[in-house]
Amino acid sequence: MRRTTRLAAVTAAGAALSVLAAGPASAGDPTVTDPHVVAHFDFAAGQNAENIALEPDGSADITWSFAHQVARVAKDGTTTVIAALPDVPGGSTPVGGPAATGIARAKDGTLYVNYITGTDETGVWRIAPGGGEPEQIGFFPADAFPNGLALDEECGTLYAADSGSGVVWSLPVTGGTPTAWASGTALEPTPETPFGANGIKVHDGAVWVSNTARGTLLRIPVGPEPEKAAGPIETRATGLPFIDDFTFTGHGDTVLAALIMDDKVELVRPDGTHKTVLTKADGLDGPTSLAVHAKKVYVNSAALFTAVNPDPNLLLARISKNKL
């Protein structure tokens, strides 16, 4: 999100979030080692790395928020723009202008991307396998702020976390008008920090959501067919200030979460305790999102709050399970 706009909003709220003490180290925690930046992006060109989806070969499809583009980054760092969302002159949003946000990938290579514009172009856009001209398939309210995006391919449903209204929208992959699937105080922003529900993932019969304003990680059970209604919202972790997106490590409900203002990646255990596993010293610069593939963790940095020499980048590290 645009640095000057978001910085003013979230810095004023810093004192409003209390950071809970991290839990003790566990011998069973996954370990994150060998962090290294594989690609640096152009801040001045709007290449703020916002969200990430992975290809089977380990390449990363990344939304560059203010360039309104999707780039593919190979494991050696080679970067290619595969799609560009349309320009929306005069578009006004809470982050200052149109921005590409969440991304999700189907097994056939189709990409789905959230685009906030402040106009009728706000919604989900589909990119065919191999790239090409994006097509709008989800038509959201003009003032909506669909941020994180998740795909339940088995059910043919997309879920989008609306950071402004604190709503989780659902949308068929065939497109149309979204439905407010889940809402409530736990998903909403606060008066101090206007960014609520943010990251979102489908995992083990539930939709998981992060709330940036409240520093929380939430779990929402998915009900049975045919309605698949949202169950009661459960708070699974607290004390995660300015949490952006997150990913599962592949070890049950263990999560890696990006703390955008603190330049940290936090490992969150199933019991809600957590510890820091990556920091600015490793190359993070405003981390926004993560993904795990083949014992590798990928971390985007958007560098939205760095006043001098901002370095939006993609970092890779090794993730492994400790033996008990």
C-alpha atoms as a PDB file:
ATOM      1  CA  MET A   1       0.000   0.000   0.000  1.00  0.00           C
ATOM      2  CA  ARG A   2       1.229   3.549  -0.704  1.00  0.00           C
ATOM      3  CA  ARG A   3       3.782   4.473   1.924  1.00  0.00           C
ATOM      4  CA  THR A   4       2.745   8.060   2.686  1.00  0.00           C
ATOM      5  CA  THR A   5      -0.924   7.185   3.151  1.00  0.00           C
ATOM      6  CA  ARG A   6      -0.612   3.972   5.155  1.00  0.00           C
ATOM      7  CA  LEU A   7       2.262   5.207   7.288  1.00  0.00           C
ATOM      8  CA  ALA A   8       0.192   8.064   8.674  1.00  0.00           C
ATOM      9  CA  ALA A   9      -2.705   5.751   9.432  1.00  0.00           C
ATOM     10  CA  VAL A  10      -0.846   2.919  11.105  1.00  0.00           C
ATOM     11  CA  THR A  11       1.885   4.826  12.929  1.00  0.00           C
ATOM     12  CA  ALA A  12      -0.754   6.744  14.887  1.00  0.00           C
ATOM     13  CA  ALA A  13      -2.103   3.422  16.080  1.00  0.00           C
ATOM     14  CA  GLY A  14       1.158   1.912  17.289  1.00  0.00           C
ATOM     15  CA  ALA A  15       0.404   2.427  20.957  1.00  0.00           C
ATOM     16  CA  ALA A  16      -3.054   0.934  20.562  1.00  0.00           C
ATOM     17  CA  LEU A  17      -1.771  -2.606  20.073  1.00  0.00           C
ATOM     18  CA  SER A  18      -0.325  -4.507  22.996  1.00  0.00           C
ATOM     19  CA  VAL A  19       2.269  -7.086  22.061  1.00  0.00           C
ATOM     20  CA  LEU A  20       1.934 -10.299  24.038  1.00  0.00           C
ATOM     21  CA  ALA A  21       5.083 -12.131  25.071  1.00  0.00           C
ATOM     22  CA  ALA A  22       6.103 -14.884  22.725  1.00  0.00           C
ATOM     23  CA  GLY A  23       5.817 -18.410  24.007  1.00  0.00           C
ATOM     24  CA  PRO A  24       8.840 -20.498  24.912  1.00  0.00           C
ATOM     25  CA  ALA A  25      10.857 -22.183  22.208  1.00  0.00           C
ATOM     26  CA  SER A  26       9.665 -25.650  21.329  1.00  0.00           C
ATOM     27  CA  ALA A  27      11.859 -28.523  20.217  1.00  0.00           C
ATOM     28  CA  GLY A  28       9.175 -29.413  17.698  1.00  0.00           C
ATOM     29  CA  ASP A  29       9.093 -26.028  15.975  1.00  0.00           C
ATOM     30  CA  PRO A  30       9.926 -25.905  12.258  1.00  0.00           C
ATOM     31  CA  THR A  31      13.238 -24.116  11.705  1.00  0.00           C
ATOM     32  CA  VAL A  32      13.845 -21.352   9.182  1.00  0.00           C
ATOM     33  CA  THR A  33      17.438 -21.069   7.974  1.00  0.00           C
ATOM     34  CA  ASP A  34      19.606 -19.717   5.135  1.00  0.00           C
ATOM     35  CA  PRO A  35      17.592 -16.593   4.290  1.00  0.00           C
ATOM     36  CA  HIS A  36      18.698 -14.785   1.143  1.00  0.00           C
ATOM     37  CA  VAL A  37      17.160 -12.240  -1.206  1.00  0.00           C
ATOM     38  CA  VAL A  38      16.790 -13.641  -4.717  1.00  0.00           C
ATOM     39  CA  ALA A  39      15.222 -10.622  -6.451  1.00  0.00           C
ATOM     40  CA  HIS A  40      15.112  -6.867  -5.866  1.00  0.00           C
ATOM     41  CA  PHE A  41      12.308  -4.773  -7.362  1.00  0.00           C
ATOM     42  CA  ASP A  42      11.960  -1.118  -8.413  1.00  0.00           C
ATOM     43  CA  PHE A  43      10.222   0.924  -5.725  1.00  0.00           C
ATOM     44  CA  ALA A  44       9.951   4.003  -7.945  1.00  0.00           C
ATOM     45  CA  ALA A  45       8.117   1.963 -10.587  1.00  0.00           C
ATOM     46  CA  GLY A  46       5.481   0.811  -8.097  1.00  0.00           C
ATOM     47  CA  GLN A  47       6.901  -2.713  -7.839  1.00  0.00           C
ATOM     48  CA  ASN A  48       5.868  -3.083  -4.201  1.00  0.00           C
ATOM     49  CA  ALA A  49       5.616  -6.842  -3.730  1.00  0.00           C
ATOM     50  CA  GLU A  50       2.186  -7.333  -2.197  1.00  0.00           C
ATOM     51  CA  ASN A  51       1.015 -10.936  -2.495  1.00  0.00           C
ATOM     52  CA  ILE A  52       2.288 -14.267  -3.784  1.00  0.00           C
ATOM     53  CA  ALA A  53       1.181 -17.539  -5.387  1.00  0.00           C
ATOM     54  CA  LEU A  54       3.548 -20.341  -6.366  1.00  0.00           C
ATOM     55  CA  GLU A  55       3.948 -22.310  -9.590  1.00  0.00           C
ATOM     56  CA  PRO A  56       4.678 -26.065  -9.486  1.00  0.00           C
ATOM     57  CA  ASP A  57       8.308 -25.450 -10.502  1.00  0.00           C
ATOM     58  CA  GLY A  58       8.858 -23.073  -7.583  1.00  0.00           C
ATOM     59  CA  SER A  59       8.510 -19.842  -9.546  1.00  0.00           C
ATOM     60  CA  ALA A  60       6.622 -17.103  -7.695  1.00  0.00           C
ATOM     61  CA  ASP A  61       3.725 -15.103  -9.138  1.00  0.00           C
ATOM     62  CA  ILE A  62       3.749 -11.748  -7.355  1.00  0.00           C
ATOM     63  CA  THR A  63       1.383  -8.792  -7.423  1.00  0.00           C
ATOM     64  CA  TRP A  64       3.182  -5.467  -7.697  1.00  0.00           C
ATOM     65  CA  SER A  65       0.593  -3.284  -6.007  1.00  0.00           C
ATOM     66  CA  PHE A  66       1.099   0.179  -7.517  1.00  0.00           C
ATOM     67  CA  ALA A  67       2.461  -0.989 -10.862  1.00  0.00           C
ATOM     68  CA  HIS A  68      -0.844  -2.946 -11.202  1.00  0.00           C
ATOM     69  CA  GLN A  69       1.096  -5.888 -12.582  1.00  0.00           C
ATOM     70  CA  VAL A  70       1.703  -9.573 -11.934  1.00  0.00           C
ATOM     71  CA  ALA A  71       5.335 -10.649 -12.223  1.00  0.00           C
ATOM     72  CA  ARG A  72       6.761 -14.162 -12.297  1.00  0.00           C
ATOM     73  CA  VAL A  73      10.047 -14.627 -10.456  1.00  0.00           C
ATOM     74  CA  ALA A  74      12.067 -17.773 -11.177  1.00  0.00           C
ATOM     75  CA  LYS A  75      14.088 -19.423  -8.425  1.00  0.00           C
ATOM     76  CA  ASP A  76      17.232 -17.776  -9.809  1.00  0.00           C
ATOM     77  CA  GLY A  77      15.604 -14.337  -9.519  1.00  0.00           C
ATOM     78  CA  THR A  78      14.829 -13.834 -13.210  1.00  0.00           C
ATOM     79  CA  THR A  79      11.699 -11.664 -13.304  1.00  0.00           C
ATOM     80  CA  THR A  80       9.104 -11.371 -16.080  1.00  0.00           C
ATOM     81  CA  VAL A  81       5.864  -9.381 -16.153  1.00  0.00           C
ATOM     82  CA  ILE A  82       3.093 -11.794 -17.188  1.00  0.00           C
ATOM     83  CA  ALA A  83       0.030  -9.526 -16.923  1.00  0.00           C
ATOM     84  CA  ALA A  84      -0.956  -5.914 -16.370  1.00  0.00           C
ATOM     85  CA  LEU A  85      -4.243  -4.745 -14.915  1.00  0.00           C
ATOM     86  CA  PRO A  86      -5.898  -1.806 -16.701  1.00  0.00           C
ATOM     87  CA  ASP A  87      -5.140   1.772 -15.741  1.00  0.00           C
ATOM     88  CA  VAL A  88      -7.980   3.447 -13.850  1.00  0.00           C
ATOM     89  CA  PRO A  89      -7.485   7.218 -14.138  1.00  0.00           C
ATOM     90  CA  GLY A  90      -8.752   9.098 -11.122  1.00  0.00           C
ATOM     91  CA  GLY A  91      -9.255   5.985  -9.024  1.00  0.00           C
ATOM     92  CA  SER A  92      -9.207   6.852  -5.324  1.00  0.00           C
ATOM     93  CA  THR A  93      -8.709   4.256  -2.563  1.00  0.00           C
ATOM     94  CA  PRO A  94      -7.651   4.209   1.099  1.00  0.00           C
ATOM     95  CA  VAL A  95      -4.070   3.632  -0.074  1.00  0.00           C
ATOM     96  CA  GLY A  96      -4.072   6.634  -2.383  1.00  0.00           C
ATOM     97  CA  GLY A  97      -4.844   5.037  -5.739  1.00  0.00           C
ATOM     98  CA  PRO A  98      -5.587   1.754  -7.501  1.00  0.00           C
ATOM     99  CA  ALA A  99      -3.611  -1.218  -6.201  1.00  0.00           C
ATOM    100  CA  ALA A 100      -3.273  -4.912  -7.016  1.00  0.00           C
ATOM    101  CA  THR A 101      -3.560  -6.930  -3.813  1.00  0.00           C
ATOM    102  CA  GLY A 102      -4.261 -10.643  -3.264  1.00  0.00           C
ATOM    103  CA  ILE A 103      -3.480 -13.431  -5.715  1.00  0.00           C
ATOM    104  CA  ALA A 104      -4.481 -17.104  -5.879  1.00  0.00           C
ATOM    105  CA  ARG A 105      -3.586 -19.850  -8.363  1.00  0.00           C
ATOM    106  CA  ALA A 106      -5.733 -22.733  -9.637  1.00  0.00           C
ATOM    107  CA  LYS A 107      -4.194 -26.090 -10.503  1.00  0.00           C
ATOM    108  CA  ASP A 108      -4.587 -25.418 -14.241  1.00  0.00           C
ATOM    109  CA  GLY A 109      -2.501 -22.242 -13.940  1.00  0.00           C
ATOM    110  CA  THR A 110      -5.357 -19.737 -13.896  1.00  0.00           C
ATOM    111  CA  LEU A 111      -4.551 -16.769 -11.661  1.00  0.00           C
ATOM    112  CA  TYR A 112      -7.076 -14.701  -9.732  1.00  0.00           C
ATOM    113  CA  VAL A 113      -6.101 -11.203  -8.565  1.00  0.00           C
ATOM    114  CA  ASN A 114      -7.831  -8.619  -6.387  1.00  0.00           C
ATOM    115  CA  TYR A 115      -7.796  -5.070  -7.710  1.00  0.00           C
ATOM    116  CA  ILE A 116      -8.940  -2.079  -5.644  1.00  0.00           C
ATOM    117  CA  THR A 117      -9.720   1.044  -7.658  1.00  0.00           C
ATOM    118  CA  GLY A 118     -12.508   3.053  -6.025  1.00  0.00           C
ATOM    119  CA  THR A 119     -14.547   2.399  -9.189  1.00  0.00           C
ATOM    120  CA  ASP A 120     -16.555  -0.366 -10.848  1.00  0.00           C
ATOM    121  CA  GLU A 121     -13.252  -2.057 -11.724  1.00  0.00           C
ATOM    122  CA  THR A 122     -12.837  -3.057  -8.070  1.00  0.00           C
ATOM    123  CA  GLY A 123     -13.036  -6.816  -7.712  1.00  0.00           C
ATOM    124  CA  VAL A 124     -11.456 -10.085  -8.815  1.00  0.00           C
ATOM    125  CA  TRP A 125      -9.668 -10.313 -12.168  1.00  0.00           C
ATOM    126  CA  ARG A 126      -8.804 -13.586 -13.898  1.00  0.00           C
ATOM    127  CA  ILE A 127      -5.597 -14.237 -15.837  1.00  0.00           C
ATOM    128  CA  ALA A 128      -5.604 -17.254 -18.147  1.00  0.00           C
ATOM    129  CA  PRO A 129      -2.815 -19.857 -17.902  1.00  0.00           C
ATOM    130  CA  GLY A 130       0.252 -18.506 -19.639  1.00  0.00           C
ATOM    131  CA  GLY A 131      -0.665 -14.878 -19.007  1.00  0.00           C
ATOM    132  CA  GLY A 132      -2.465 -12.475 -21.295  1.00  0.00           C
ATOM    133  CA  GLU A 133      -5.137  -9.816 -20.872  1.00  0.00           C
ATOM    134  CA  PRO A 134      -6.813  -9.945 -17.447  1.00  0.00           C
ATOM    135  CA  GLU A 135     -10.611 -10.220 -17.332  1.00  0.00           C
ATOM    136  CA  GLN A 136     -12.775  -8.912 -14.519  1.00  0.00           C
ATOM    137  CA  ILE A 137     -15.001 -11.695 -13.148  1.00  0.00           C
ATOM    138  CA  GLY A 138     -15.859 -10.420  -9.650  1.00  0.00           C
ATOM    139  CA  PHE A 139     -17.765  -7.170  -9.374  1.00  0.00           C
ATOM    140  CA  PHE A 140     -17.409  -5.674  -5.904  1.00  0.00           C
ATOM    141  CA  PRO A 141     -18.775  -2.417  -4.493  1.00  0.00           C
ATOM    142  CA  ALA A 142     -16.635   0.496  -5.655  1.00  0.00           C
ATOM    143  CA  ASP A 143     -15.601   1.297  -2.089  1.00  0.00           C
ATOM    144  CA  ALA A 144     -14.685  -2.284  -1.194  1.00  0.00           C
ATOM    145  CA  PHE A 145     -11.098  -3.129  -0.204  1.00  0.00           C
ATOM    146  CA  PRO A 146     -10.575  -6.786  -1.159  1.00  0.00           C
ATOM    147  CA  ASN A 147      -7.085  -7.477   0.140  1.00  0.00           C
ATOM    148  CA  GLY A 148      -6.088 -11.123   0.689  1.00  0.00           C
ATOM    149  CA  LEU A 149      -7.522 -13.743  -1.683  1.00  0.00           C
ATOM    150  CA  ALA A 150      -7.895 -17.500  -1.208  1.00  0.00           C
ATOM    151  CA  LEU A 151      -9.197 -20.253  -3.471  1.00  0.00           C
ATOM    152  CA  ASP A 152     -11.108 -23.362  -2.417  1.00  0.00           C
ATOM    153  CA  GLU A 153     -10.800 -25.151  -5.729  1.00  0.00           C
ATOM    154  CA  GLU A 154     -12.687 -28.242  -4.596  1.00  0.00           C
ATOM    155  CA  CYS A 155     -15.776 -26.116  -3.941  1.00  0.00           C
ATOM    156  CA  GLY A 156     -15.157 -23.623  -6.750  1.00  0.00           C
ATOM    157  CA  THR A 157     -15.139 -20.683  -4.337  1.00  0.00           C
ATOM    158  CA  LEU A 158     -12.937 -17.632  -3.909  1.00  0.00           C
ATOM    159  CA  TYR A 159     -12.721 -15.851  -0.560  1.00  0.00           C
ATOM    160  CA  ALA A 160     -11.591 -12.226  -0.278  1.00  0.00           C
ATOM    161  CA  ALA A 161     -10.790 -10.384   2.957  1.00  0.00           C
ATOM    162  CA  ASP A 162     -12.086  -6.803   2.898  1.00  0.00           C
ATOM    163  CA  SER A 163      -9.738  -4.680   4.992  1.00  0.00           C
ATOM    164  CA  GLY A 164     -12.050  -1.669   5.080  1.00  0.00           C
ATOM    165  CA  SER A 165     -15.377  -3.185   6.065  1.00  0.00           C
ATOM    166  CA  GLY A 166     -14.158  -6.248   7.947  1.00  0.00           C
ATOM    167  CA  VAL A 167     -16.081  -8.645   5.724  1.00  0.00           C
ATOM    168  CA  VAL A 168     -15.004 -11.916   4.130  1.00  0.00           C
ATOM    169  CA  TRP A 169     -16.577 -12.086   0.684  1.00  0.00           C
ATOM    170  CA  SER A 170     -17.241 -15.323  -1.192  1.00  0.00           C
ATOM    171  CA  LEU A 171     -17.437 -15.550  -4.959  1.00  0.00           C
ATOM    172  CA  PRO A 172     -17.847 -18.484  -7.349  1.00  0.00           C
ATOM    173  CA  VAL A 173     -14.831 -18.993  -9.610  1.00  0.00           C
ATOM    174  CA  THR A 174     -17.259 -18.509 -12.500  1.00  0.00           C
ATOM    175  CA  GLY A 175     -17.643 -14.894 -11.356  1.00  0.00           C
ATOM    176  CA  GLY A 176     -20.457 -12.526 -10.525  1.00  0.00           C
ATOM    177  CA  THR A 177     -21.406 -10.456  -7.495  1.00  0.00           C
ATOM    178  CA  PRO A 178     -19.811 -11.499  -4.203  1.00  0.00           C
ATOM    179  CA  THR A 179     -21.678 -12.514  -1.074  1.00  0.00           C
ATOM    180  CA  ALA A 180     -20.785 -11.342   2.422  1.00  0.00           C
ATOM    181  CA  TRP A 181     -19.796 -14.741   3.857  1.00  0.00           C
ATOM    182  CA  ALA A 182     -18.489 -13.714   7.292  1.00  0.00           C
ATOM    183  CA  SER A 183     -18.515 -10.510   9.312  1.00  0.00           C
ATOM    184  CA  GLY A 184     -18.210  -9.314  12.887  1.00  0.00           C
ATOM    185  CA  THR A 185     -16.123  -7.237  15.236  1.00  0.00           C
ATOM    186  CA  ALA A 186     -13.205  -9.688  15.123  1.00  0.00           C
ATOM    187  CA  LEU A 187     -12.765  -8.971  11.406  1.00  0.00           C
ATOM    188  CA  GLU A 188     -13.250  -5.218  11.534  1.00  0.00           C
ATOM    189  CA  PRO A 189     -10.675  -2.421  11.620  1.00  0.00           C
ATOM    190  CA  THR A 190     -10.443  -0.075  14.590  1.00  0.00           C
ATOM    191  CA  PRO A 191     -10.814   3.716  14.762  1.00  0.00           C
ATOM    192  CA  GLU A 192      -7.043   3.947  15.183  1.00  0.00           C
ATOM    193  CA  THR A 193      -6.070   1.577  12.361  1.00  0.00           C
ATOM    194  CA  PRO A 194      -8.344   1.433   9.292  1.00  0.00           C
ATOM    195  CA  PHE A 195      -7.113  -1.947   8.035  1.00  0.00           C
ATOM    196  CA  GLY A 196      -8.935  -4.971   9.457  1.00  0.00           C
ATOM    197  CA  ALA A 197      -9.257  -8.368   7.763  1.00  0.00           C
ATOM    198  CA  ASN A 198      -6.187  -8.739   5.560  1.00  0.00           C
ATOM    199  CA  GLY A 199      -4.546 -12.094   4.807  1.00  0.00           C
ATOM    200  CA  ILE A 200      -6.693 -15.149   4.131  1.00  0.00           C
ATOM    201  CA  LYS A 201      -6.157 -18.872   3.593  1.00  0.00           C
ATOM    202  CA  VAL A 202      -8.333 -21.986   3.235  1.00  0.00           C
ATOM    203  CA  HIS A 203      -6.971 -24.713   5.511  1.00  0.00           C
ATOM    204  CA  ASP A 204      -8.369 -27.941   6.912  1.00  0.00           C
ATOM    205  CA  GLY A 205     -12.080 -27.193   6.719  1.00  0.00           C
ATOM    206  CA  ALA A 206     -11.830 -23.534   7.664  1.00  0.00           C
ATOM    207  CA  VAL A 207     -11.042 -20.073   6.367  1.00  0.00           C
ATOM    208  CA  TRP A 208      -8.238 -18.407   8.321  1.00  0.00           C
ATOM    209  CA  VAL A 209      -7.938 -14.604   8.384  1.00  0.00           C
ATOM    210  CA  SER A 210      -5.487 -12.112   9.853  1.00  0.00           C
ATOM    211  CA  ASN A 211      -6.652  -8.784  11.270  1.00  0.00           C
ATOM    212  CA  THR A 212      -4.029  -6.072  10.949  1.00  0.00           C
ATOM    213  CA  ALA A 213      -5.676  -3.570  13.280  1.00  0.00           C
ATOM    214  CA  ARG A 214      -6.216  -6.055  16.095  1.00  0.00           C
ATOM    215  CA  GLY A 215      -2.999  -8.069  15.673  1.00  0.00           C
ATOM    216  CA  THR A 216      -4.895 -11.342  15.555  1.00  0.00           C
ATOM    217  CA  LEU A 217      -5.092 -14.596  13.623  1.00  0.00           C
ATOM    218  CA  LEU A 218      -8.616 -15.977  13.231  1.00  0.00           C
ATOM    219  CA  ARG A 219     -10.196 -19.262  12.175  1.00  0.00           C
ATOM    220  CA  ILE A 220     -13.694 -19.494  10.667  1.00  0.00           C
ATOM    221  CA  PRO A 221     -15.071 -23.025  10.225  1.00  0.00           C
ATOM    222  CA  VAL A 222     -16.813 -23.765   6.927  1.00  0.00           C
ATOM    223  CA  GLY A 223     -20.228 -25.374   7.431  1.00  0.00           C
ATOM    224  CA  PRO A 224     -21.570 -28.413   5.584  1.00  0.00           C
ATOM    225  CA  GLU A 225     -23.087 -28.558   2.131  1.00  0.00           C
ATOM    226  CA  PRO A 226     -25.031 -27.059   0.529  1.00  0.00           C
ATOM    227  CA  GLU A 227     -24.788 -23.649   2.214  1.00  0.00           C
ATOM    228  CA  LYS A 228     -21.209 -23.958   3.516  1.00  0.00           C
ATOM    229  CA  ALA A 229     -22.036 -21.118   5.886  1.00  0.00           C
ATOM    230  CA  ALA A 230     -19.431 -19.465   8.100  1.00  0.00           C
ATOM    231  CA  GLY A 231     -19.216 -20.845  11.609  1.00  0.00           C
ATOM    232  CA  PRO A 232     -18.313 -18.875  14.765  1.00  0.00           C
ATOM    233  CA  ILE A 233     -15.103 -16.855  14.466  1.00  0.00           C
ATOM    234  CA  GLU A 234     -12.323 -18.256  16.650  1.00  0.00           C
ATOM    235  CA  THR A 235      -9.290 -16.228  17.734  1.00  0.00           C
ATOM    236  CA  ARG A 236      -6.256 -18.488  17.400  1.00  0.00           C
ATOM    237  CA  ALA A 237      -3.423 -16.029  18.155  1.00  0.00           C
ATOM    238  CA  THR A 238      -3.015 -12.485  19.481  1.00  0.00           C
ATOM    239  CA  GLY A 239      -0.129 -10.072  19.973  1.00  0.00           C
ATOM    240  CA  LEU A 240       0.827  -9.950  16.277  1.00  0.00           C
ATOM    241  CA  PRO A 241       1.071  -6.188  15.673  1.00  0.00           C
ATOM    242  CA  PHE A 242       0.299  -5.085  12.111  1.00  0.00           C
ATOM    243  CA  ILE A 243       0.090  -8.652  10.843  1.00  0.00           C
ATOM    244  CA  ASP A 244      -0.293  -8.700   7.066  1.00  0.00           C
ATOM    245  CA  ASP A 245      -0.613 -12.029   5.230  1.00  0.00           C
ATOM    246  CA  PHE A 246       0.472 -15.473   6.439  1.00  0.00           C
ATOM    247  CA  THR A 247       0.949 -19.060   5.295  1.00  0.00           C
ATOM    248  CA  PHE A 248       0.904 -22.534   6.808  1.00  0.00           C
ATOM    249  CA  THR A 249       4.205 -24.340   7.172  1.00  0.00           C
ATOM    250  CA  GLY A 250       2.730 -27.704   6.222  1.00  0.00           C
ATOM    251  CA  HIS A 251       3.002 -28.918   9.831  1.00  0.00           C
ATOM    252  CA  GLY A 252      -0.627 -28.888  11.029  1.00  0.00           C
ATOM    253  CA  ASP A 253      -1.820 -25.465  12.126  1.00  0.00           C
ATOM    254  CA  THR A 254       1.631 -23.901  12.475  1.00  0.00           C
ATOM    255  CA  VAL A 255       1.752 -20.553  10.670  1.00  0.00           C
ATOM    256  CA  LEU A 256       4.361 -18.107   9.405  1.00  0.00           C
ATOM    257  CA  ALA A 257       3.062 -14.525   9.581  1.00  0.00           C
ATOM    258  CA  ALA A 258       4.417 -11.278   8.117  1.00  0.00           C
ATOM    259  CA  LEU A 259       4.531  -8.322  10.538  1.00  0.00           C
ATOM    260  CA  ILE A 260       4.793  -5.481   8.064  1.00  0.00           C
ATOM    261  CA  MET A 261       5.706  -2.615  10.407  1.00  0.00           C
ATOM    262  CA  ASP A 262       8.170  -4.601  12.512  1.00  0.00           C
ATOM    263  CA  ASP A 263      10.123  -6.122   9.591  1.00  0.00           C
ATOM    264  CA  LYS A 264       9.576  -9.583  11.064  1.00  0.00           C
ATOM    265  CA  VAL A 265       8.282 -13.018  10.193  1.00  0.00           C
ATOM    266  CA  GLU A 266       6.707 -14.703  13.185  1.00  0.00           C
ATOM    267  CA  LEU A 267       6.261 -18.461  13.633  1.00  0.00           C
ATOM    268  CA  VAL A 268       2.863 -18.983  15.263  1.00  0.00           C
ATOM    269  CA  ARG A 269       2.271 -22.306  16.992  1.00  0.00           C
ATOM    270  CA  PRO A 270      -1.117 -24.055  17.112  1.00  0.00           C
ATOM    271  CA  ASP A 271      -1.545 -22.951  20.741  1.00  0.00           C
ATOM    272  CA  GLY A 272      -1.175 -19.277  19.734  1.00  0.00           C
ATOM    273  CA  THR A 273       2.298 -18.690  21.151  1.00  0.00           C
ATOM    274  CA  HIS A 274       4.841 -17.360  18.690  1.00  0.00           C
ATOM    275  CA  LYS A 275       8.448 -16.412  18.109  1.00  0.00           C
ATOM    276  CA  THR A 276      10.415 -14.373  15.565  1.00  0.00           C
ATOM    277  CA  VAL A 277      12.235 -16.363  12.872  1.00  0.00           C
ATOM    278  CA  LEU A 278      13.223 -13.680  10.317  1.00  0.00           C
ATOM    279  CA  THR A 279      14.052  -9.975  10.715  1.00  0.00           C
ATOM    280  CA  LYS A 280      15.240  -6.919   8.859  1.00  0.00           C
ATOM    281  CA  ALA A 281      18.802  -8.191   9.273  1.00  0.00           C
ATOM    282  CA  ASP A 282      17.867 -11.105   6.993  1.00  0.00           C
ATOM    283  CA  GLY A 283      16.682  -8.752   4.230  1.00  0.00           C
ATOM    284  CA  LEU A 284      13.058  -8.031   5.156  1.00  0.00           C
ATOM    285  CA  ASP A 285      11.761  -4.552   4.305  1.00  0.00           C
ATOM    286  CA  GLY A 286       8.093  -4.318   5.185  1.00  0.00           C
ATOM    287  CA  PRO A 287       7.142  -7.987   4.656  1.00  0.00           C
ATOM    288  CA  THR A 288       3.628  -8.475   3.285  1.00  0.00           C
ATOM    289  CA  SER A 289       3.058 -12.138   2.371  1.00  0.00           C
ATOM    290  CA  LEU A 290       4.560 -15.614   2.375  1.00  0.00           C
ATOM    291  CA  ALA A 291       4.277 -19.013   0.726  1.00  0.00           C
ATOM    292  CA  VAL A 292       5.826 -22.434   1.365  1.00  0.00           C
ATOM    293  CA  HIS A 293       6.892 -24.945  -1.308  1.00  0.00           C
ATOM    294  CA  ALA A 294       9.276 -27.912  -1.239  1.00  0.00           C
ATOM    295  CA  LYS A 295      11.037 -27.001   2.027  1.00  0.00           C
ATOM    296  CA  LYS A 296      11.348 -23.360   0.968  1.00  0.00           C
ATOM    297  CA  VAL A 297       9.590 -20.323   2.381  1.00  0.00           C
ATOM    298  CA  TYR A 298       9.121 -17.306   0.121  1.00  0.00           C
ATOM    299  CA  VAL A 299       8.653 -13.840   1.660  1.00  0.00           C
ATOM    300  CA  ASN A 300       7.598 -10.680  -0.167  1.00  0.00           C
ATOM    301  CA  SER A 301       8.721  -7.285   1.065  1.00  0.00           C
ATOM    302  CA  ALA A 302       6.945  -4.161  -0.171  1.00  0.00           C
ATOM    303  CA  ALA A 303       9.187  -1.522   1.480  1.00  0.00           C
ATOM    304  CA  LEU A 304       6.166   0.706   2.039  1.00  0.00           C
ATOM    305  CA  PHE A 305       7.447   2.368   5.194  1.00  0.00           C
ATOM    306  CA  THR A 306      11.146   2.764   4.433  1.00  0.00           C
ATOM    307  CA  ALA A 307      12.042   6.414   3.911  1.00  0.00           C
ATOM    308  CA  VAL A 308      15.640   5.896   2.724  1.00  0.00           C
ATOM    309  CA  ASN A 309      16.704   3.305   0.147  1.00  0.00           C
ATOM    310  CA  PRO A 310      13.507   1.224   0.139  1.00  0.00           C
ATOM    311  CA  ASP A 311      14.139  -2.322  -1.061  1.00  0.00           C
ATOM    312  CA  PRO A 312      11.049  -4.230  -2.203  1.00  0.00           C
ATOM    313  CA  ASN A 313      12.244  -7.792  -2.717  1.00  0.00           C
ATOM    314  CA  LEU A 314      11.626 -11.510  -2.665  1.00  0.00           C
ATOM    315  CA  LEU A 315      13.451 -13.522   0.010  1.00  0.00           C
ATOM    316  CA  LEU A 316      13.821 -17.301   0.140  1.00  0.00           C
ATOM    317  CA  ALA A 317      14.765 -19.412   3.145  1.00  0.00           C
ATOM    318  CA  ARG A 318      14.852 -23.088   4.021  1.00  0.00           C
ATOM    319  CA  ILE A 319      12.183 -24.520   6.297  1.00  0.00           C
ATOM    320  CA  SER A 320      12.496 -27.882   8.007  1.00  0.00           C
ATOM    321  CA  LYS A 321      10.858 -29.786  10.843  1.00  0.00           C
ATOM    322  CA  ASN A 322      12.896 -30.347  13.983  1.00  0.00           C
ATOM    323  CA  LYS A 323      12.934 -33.869  15.345  1.00  0.00           C
ATOM    324  CA  LEU A 324      11.566 -34.236  18.843  1.00  0.00           C
END
